[in-house]
Amino acid sequence: MGPWGYVALAYGIVWGAIVVYWFSLKRRYRDAENELNRLRSLEAAPGHEQN
């Protein structure tokens, strides 16, 4: 493998890590949004008292 092959490999590894991180953030954002919606629906439920 020539020097440009190593450069391409390095770029591929970096972009692969970025894509994996992006999917991880997307999943964490979706989980947080679901939790927030669940808490909002519990708050709006009848019988919920506010102090």
C-alpha atoms as a PDB file:
ATOM      1  CA  MET A   1       0.000   0.000   0.000  1.00  0.00           C
ATOM      2  CA  GLY A   2       1.419   3.340  -1.022  1.00  0.00           C
ATOM      3  CA  PRO A   3       1.329   6.530   1.010  1.00  0.00           C
ATOM      4  CA  TRP A   4      -1.998   7.619  -0.508  1.00  0.00           C
ATOM      5  CA  GLY A   5      -3.509   4.310   0.491  1.00  0.00           C
ATOM      6  CA  TYR A   6      -2.724   5.077   4.117  1.00  0.00           C
ATOM      7  CA  VAL A   7      -4.218   8.554   3.751  1.00  0.00           C
ATOM      8  CA  ALA A   8      -7.397   7.057   2.295  1.00  0.00           C
ATOM      9  CA  LEU A   9      -7.493   4.479   5.093  1.00  0.00           C
ATOM     10  CA  ALA A  10      -7.104   7.198   7.727  1.00  0.00           C
ATOM     11  CA  TYR A  11      -9.891   9.277   6.167  1.00  0.00           C
ATOM     12  CA  GLY A  12     -12.091   6.194   6.004  1.00  0.00           C
ATOM     13  CA  ILE A  13     -11.526   5.427   9.684  1.00  0.00           C
ATOM     14  CA  VAL A  14     -12.238   9.026  10.716  1.00  0.00           C
ATOM     15  CA  TRP A  15     -15.418   9.239   8.630  1.00  0.00           C
ATOM     16  CA  GLY A  16     -16.525   5.851   9.924  1.00  0.00           C
ATOM     17  CA  ALA A  17     -16.100   7.090  13.499  1.00  0.00           C
ATOM     18  CA  ILE A  18     -18.058  10.264  12.663  1.00  0.00           C
ATOM     19  CA  VAL A  19     -20.940   8.247  11.194  1.00  0.00           C
ATOM     20  CA  VAL A  20     -21.049   5.902  14.198  1.00  0.00           C
ATOM     21  CA  TYR A  21     -21.022   8.910  16.554  1.00  0.00           C
ATOM     22  CA  TRP A  22     -23.811  10.592  14.556  1.00  0.00           C
ATOM     23  CA  PHE A  23     -26.020   7.486  14.786  1.00  0.00           C
ATOM     24  CA  SER A  24     -25.284   7.290  18.511  1.00  0.00           C
ATOM     25  CA  LEU A  25     -26.321  10.921  18.989  1.00  0.00           C
ATOM     26  CA  LYS A  26     -29.446  10.372  16.920  1.00  0.00           C
ATOM     27  CA  ARG A  27     -30.466   7.403  19.084  1.00  0.00           C
ATOM     28  CA  ARG A  28     -29.764   9.300  22.324  1.00  0.00           C
ATOM     29  CA  TYR A  29     -31.773  12.293  21.073  1.00  0.00           C
ATOM     30  CA  ARG A  30     -34.715  10.040  20.172  1.00  0.00           C
ATOM     31  CA  ASP A  31     -34.579   8.358  23.606  1.00  0.00           C
ATOM     32  CA  ALA A  32     -34.517  11.738  25.369  1.00  0.00           C
ATOM     33  CA  GLU A  33     -37.416  12.983  23.249  1.00  0.00           C
ATOM     34  CA  ASN A  34     -39.452   9.862  24.068  1.00  0.00           C
ATOM     35  CA  GLU A  35     -38.737  10.308  27.779  1.00  0.00           C
ATOM     36  CA  LEU A  36     -39.758  13.968  27.636  1.00  0.00           C
ATOM     37  CA  ASN A  37     -42.999  13.082  25.849  1.00  0.00           C
ATOM     38  CA  ARG A  38     -43.700  10.394  28.454  1.00  0.00           C
ATOM     39  CA  LEU A  39     -43.160  12.862  31.293  1.00  0.00           C
ATOM     40  CA  ARG A  40     -45.345  15.470  29.610  1.00  0.00           C
ATOM     41  CA  SER A  41     -48.163  12.967  29.173  1.00  0.00           C
ATOM     42  CA  LEU A  42     -47.881  11.958  32.842  1.00  0.00           C
ATOM     43  CA  GLU A  43     -48.024  15.611  33.870  1.00  0.00           C
ATOM     44  CA  ALA A  44     -51.150  16.208  31.793  1.00  0.00           C
ATOM     45  CA  ALA A  45     -52.880  13.111  33.182  1.00  0.00           C
ATOM     46  CA  PRO A  46     -55.929  13.650  35.374  1.00  0.00           C
ATOM     47  CA  GLY A  47     -55.201  13.557  39.085  1.00  0.00           C
ATOM     48  CA  HIS A  48     -51.770  15.072  38.717  1.00  0.00           C
ATOM     49  CA  GLU A  49     -51.277  17.690  41.424  1.00  0.00           C
ATOM     50  CA  GLN A  50     -48.906  20.604  41.093  1.00  0.00           C
ATOM     51  CA  ASN A  51     -47.285  22.076  44.207  1.00  0.00           C
END
